[in-house]
């Protein structure tokens, strides 16, 4: 289980303050099973029409000195990881956000008994690969709905399926949970020049909760 944040600003901003608030939230937050979000983190930002990324195996709150080195940007994504299984710790390739030139992707959730055969070693990677298939065929909204519909039909149980996507000029998130709403519900802030979708509220912004089985684009 993990925490993530997507941010869109009208003008390029220094992401340091939001990174600090996210790190503070992630350090205090525990998953419903008691785990910390301490298995690494990542930051992705958009520059010159491309997504660039940084990933680390350290907890996000232990890399605060790194925050000031990131450039101003109008679009970025943050992810703090809590590995579901011990054998999936300490592998930088598992850490999000996952990026290509067009999109930055983050995931938080727990799916059991998935019968699909997809590329990737962990669930987050497999979902990213499936989503990319549909992003090449249709628009983002339809790609997300198609991906989540297939996952629902081919999973024995889904506690949560939260997908965040930052594109060229929008941030979107799909929220679906059947348990632990206090942990899995997503929050969004859409009342200023800076728009945010986040796993939990952070300082300096007013948030509303995103209902289960819903998609938002800001």
Protein backbone atom coordinates (compact mmCIF):
# COMPACT_ATOMS: atom_id res chain seq x y z
CA UNK A 1 0.00 0.00 0.00
CA UNK A 2 1.27 3.46 -0.86
CA UNK A 3 0.62 7.20 -0.92
CA UNK A 4 0.64 9.37 -4.03
CA UNK A 5 0.12 12.95 -5.14
CA UNK A 6 -0.51 14.60 -8.51
CA UNK A 7 -0.14 18.35 -8.98
CA UNK A 8 -1.02 20.79 -11.77
CA UNK A 9 -0.26 24.50 -11.59
CA UNK A 10 -1.19 27.37 -13.91
CA UNK A 11 2.40 28.59 -13.76
CA UNK A 12 5.64 26.68 -13.05
CA UNK A 13 6.26 26.44 -9.31
CA UNK A 14 9.03 25.24 -7.04
CA UNK A 15 7.74 21.83 -5.87
CA UNK A 16 9.78 21.85 -2.65
CA UNK A 17 7.02 22.98 -0.28
CA UNK A 18 4.50 20.45 -1.58
CA UNK A 19 7.17 17.75 -1.40
CA UNK A 20 7.80 18.65 2.23
CA UNK A 21 4.09 18.50 3.05
CA UNK A 22 3.76 15.17 1.26
CA UNK A 23 6.78 13.76 3.13
CA UNK A 24 5.31 14.88 6.45
CA UNK A 25 2.00 13.21 5.61
CA UNK A 26 3.69 9.98 4.44
CA UNK A 27 5.81 9.77 7.59
CA UNK A 28 2.74 10.01 9.83
CA UNK A 29 0.52 7.77 7.72
CA UNK A 30 0.22 4.05 8.34
CA UNK A 31 -1.52 1.54 6.13
CA UNK A 32 -4.50 -0.28 7.63
CA UNK A 33 -2.20 -3.25 8.36
CA UNK A 34 0.25 -1.03 10.26
CA UNK A 35 2.93 -0.72 7.57
CA UNK A 36 4.77 2.52 6.94
CA UNK A 37 5.26 4.09 3.51
CA UNK A 38 9.03 3.63 3.89
CA UNK A 39 10.06 1.38 0.98
CA UNK A 40 11.31 4.17 -1.25
CA UNK A 41 9.75 7.00 -3.18
CA UNK A 42 9.76 8.75 -6.52
CA UNK A 43 9.20 12.14 -8.10
CA UNK A 44 8.31 12.85 -11.74
CA UNK A 45 8.07 16.26 -13.37
CA UNK A 46 7.23 17.55 -16.83
CA UNK A 47 9.82 19.62 -18.71
CA UNK A 48 10.13 20.45 -22.42
CA UNK A 49 7.12 18.25 -23.26
CA UNK A 50 8.66 15.20 -21.60
CA UNK A 51 8.33 13.45 -18.26
CA UNK A 52 11.52 13.11 -16.22
CA UNK A 53 11.90 11.11 -13.05
CA UNK A 54 13.82 10.47 -9.84
CA UNK A 55 13.48 7.35 -7.71
CA UNK A 56 15.06 6.33 -4.41
CA UNK A 57 14.97 3.37 -2.03
CA UNK A 58 15.05 5.68 0.99
CA UNK A 59 11.88 6.86 2.76
CA UNK A 60 10.73 10.18 1.30
CA UNK A 61 11.02 11.93 4.68
CA UNK A 62 14.73 11.07 4.83
CA UNK A 63 15.52 12.86 1.57
CA UNK A 64 14.29 16.37 2.29
CA UNK A 65 17.61 17.85 1.14
CA UNK A 66 16.88 16.47 -2.31
CA UNK A 67 13.66 18.47 -2.66
CA UNK A 68 15.40 21.78 -3.37
CA UNK A 69 17.30 20.29 -6.34
CA UNK A 70 14.19 19.72 -8.47
CA UNK A 71 13.37 22.41 -11.05
CA UNK A 72 10.27 24.56 -11.26
CA UNK A 73 7.48 22.78 -13.10
CA UNK A 74 3.74 23.07 -13.69
CA UNK A 75 3.07 19.32 -13.55
CA UNK A 76 4.46 16.70 -11.19
CA UNK A 77 3.73 13.43 -9.41
CA UNK A 78 4.99 11.94 -6.14
CA UNK A 79 4.76 8.37 -4.84
CA UNK A 80 5.79 6.84 -1.50
CA UNK A 81 5.89 3.05 -1.48
CA UNK A 82 4.91 0.40 1.02
CA UNK A 83 5.84 -2.96 -0.48
CA UNK A 84 3.15 -5.62 -0.18
CA UNK A 85 5.64 -8.49 0.19
CA UNK A 86 9.15 -8.72 1.73
CA UNK A 87 10.64 -10.08 -1.51
CA UNK A 88 9.50 -6.93 -3.32
CA UNK A 89 11.53 -4.54 -1.18
CA UNK A 90 14.82 -2.87 -2.21
CA UNK A 91 14.28 -2.97 -5.97
CA UNK A 92 14.42 0.49 -7.51
CA UNK A 93 12.54 -0.68 -10.62
CA UNK A 94 9.44 -1.28 -8.53
CA UNK A 95 9.34 2.31 -7.30
CA UNK A 96 6.93 4.75 -8.94
CA UNK A 97 6.03 7.02 -10.66
CA UNK A 98 6.36 5.08 -13.91
CA UNK A 99 6.75 7.40 -16.88
CA UNK A 100 6.92 7.69 -20.63
CA UNK A 101 7.12 10.85 -22.70
CA UNK A 102 3.38 11.47 -22.48
CA UNK A 103 2.30 10.24 -19.04
CA UNK A 104 3.31 9.79 -15.43
CA UNK A 105 1.49 6.98 -13.59
CA UNK A 106 1.02 6.13 -9.92
CA UNK A 107 -0.93 3.33 -8.23
CA UNK A 108 -2.25 2.49 -4.80
CA UNK A 109 -4.36 -0.55 -4.04
CA UNK A 110 -4.64 -4.26 -3.43
CA UNK A 111 -5.97 -6.78 -5.94
CA UNK A 112 -6.12 -10.52 -5.23
CA UNK A 113 -6.52 -13.48 -7.54
CA UNK A 114 -5.88 -11.62 -10.80
CA UNK A 115 -6.14 -14.10 -13.69
CA UNK A 116 -4.67 -11.88 -16.40
CA UNK A 117 -1.25 -12.62 -17.88
CA UNK A 118 0.52 -9.27 -18.21
CA UNK A 119 4.13 -8.05 -18.52
CA UNK A 120 5.73 -6.96 -15.26
CA UNK A 121 6.79 -8.45 -11.94
CA UNK A 122 4.49 -6.64 -9.51
CA UNK A 123 0.91 -5.48 -9.75
CA UNK A 124 1.68 -1.80 -10.29
CA UNK A 125 3.86 -2.64 -13.30
CA UNK A 126 1.25 -4.97 -14.78
CA UNK A 127 -1.50 -2.36 -14.50
CA UNK A 128 0.77 0.25 -16.12
CA UNK A 129 1.40 -2.09 -19.05
CA UNK A 130 -2.32 -2.77 -19.47
CA UNK A 131 -3.16 0.93 -19.27
CA UNK A 132 -0.56 1.73 -21.94
CA UNK A 133 -2.26 -0.64 -24.37
CA UNK A 134 -5.43 1.46 -24.23
CA UNK A 135 -3.70 4.85 -24.01
CA UNK A 136 -2.34 4.11 -27.49
CA UNK A 137 -5.85 3.38 -28.82
CA UNK A 138 -8.13 5.93 -27.18
CA UNK A 139 -8.32 8.97 -24.90
CA UNK A 140 -7.22 8.92 -21.28
CA UNK A 141 -10.72 8.67 -19.78
CA UNK A 142 -11.71 5.69 -21.89
CA UNK A 143 -8.32 4.04 -21.36
CA UNK A 144 -8.70 4.24 -17.58
CA UNK A 145 -12.27 2.90 -17.65
CA UNK A 146 -11.32 0.06 -19.99
CA UNK A 147 -8.32 -0.89 -17.82
CA UNK A 148 -10.23 -0.83 -14.54
CA UNK A 149 -13.19 -2.70 -16.02
CA UNK A 150 -10.91 -5.53 -17.21
CA UNK A 151 -9.18 -5.69 -13.81
CA UNK A 152 -12.50 -5.89 -11.97
CA UNK A 153 -13.72 -8.70 -14.21
CA UNK A 154 -10.51 -10.70 -13.81
CA UNK A 155 -9.82 -10.35 -10.07
CA UNK A 156 -11.15 -12.53 -7.26
CA UNK A 157 -11.14 -9.64 -4.81
CA UNK A 158 -10.29 -5.94 -4.96
CA UNK A 159 -9.80 -4.01 -1.75
CA UNK A 160 -8.74 -0.93 -3.69
CA UNK A 161 -7.80 0.14 -7.20
CA UNK A 162 -6.56 3.72 -7.27
CA UNK A 163 -4.82 4.94 -10.42
CA UNK A 164 -3.32 8.40 -10.91
CA UNK A 165 -2.28 9.76 -14.31
CA UNK A 166 -0.61 13.08 -15.11
CA UNK A 167 -0.50 13.95 -18.79
CA UNK A 168 0.50 16.99 -20.84
CA UNK A 169 -1.84 19.45 -19.13
CA UNK A 170 -4.23 17.47 -16.91
CA UNK A 171 -4.11 15.29 -13.81
CA UNK A 172 -6.60 12.45 -13.42
CA UNK A 173 -7.35 9.78 -10.85
CA UNK A 174 -9.65 6.79 -10.69
CA UNK A 175 -10.72 5.80 -7.18
CA UNK A 176 -12.25 2.43 -6.30
CA UNK A 177 -12.28 0.73 -2.93
CA UNK A 178 -14.39 -1.91 -1.17
CA UNK A 179 -12.69 -1.75 2.23
CA UNK A 180 -10.71 0.62 4.49
CA UNK A 181 -12.19 3.88 3.13
CA UNK A 182 -10.20 5.99 5.59
CA UNK A 183 -7.01 4.74 3.96
CA UNK A 184 -8.00 4.24 0.34
CA UNK A 185 -10.26 7.21 -0.43
CA UNK A 186 -8.56 9.89 -2.54
CA UNK A 187 -8.63 13.61 -1.83
CA UNK A 188 -8.64 16.47 -4.32
CA UNK A 189 -8.17 20.24 -4.17
CA UNK A 190 -9.66 22.26 -7.04
CA UNK A 191 -10.13 25.76 -5.66
CA UNK A 192 -6.91 27.57 -6.56
CA UNK A 193 -4.25 28.02 -9.21
CA UNK A 194 -2.67 24.83 -7.87
CA UNK A 195 -4.76 21.68 -8.29
CA UNK A 196 -3.90 18.50 -6.37
CA UNK A 197 -5.08 14.91 -6.12
CA UNK A 198 -3.62 13.08 -3.14
CA UNK A 199 -4.01 9.91 -1.07
CA UNK A 200 -4.43 12.05 2.06
CA UNK A 201 -4.83 15.72 2.83
CA UNK A 202 -1.67 17.80 3.10
CA UNK A 203 -1.06 21.17 4.69
CA UNK A 204 -2.05 24.52 3.10
CA UNK A 205 -4.81 23.14 0.87
CA UNK A 206 -8.53 22.45 1.25
CA UNK A 207 -9.63 19.02 0.09
CA UNK A 208 -12.74 17.09 -0.82
CA UNK A 209 -13.05 13.28 -0.85
CA UNK A 210 -13.43 11.45 -4.12
CA UNK A 211 -16.19 8.79 -3.92
CA UNK A 212 -15.45 5.18 -4.69
CA UNK A 213 -15.82 4.03 -8.31
CA UNK A 214 -15.27 7.53 -9.70
CA UNK A 215 -12.88 9.34 -12.01
CA UNK A 216 -11.76 12.96 -11.76
CA UNK A 217 -9.75 15.08 -14.17
CA UNK A 218 -8.38 18.51 -13.22
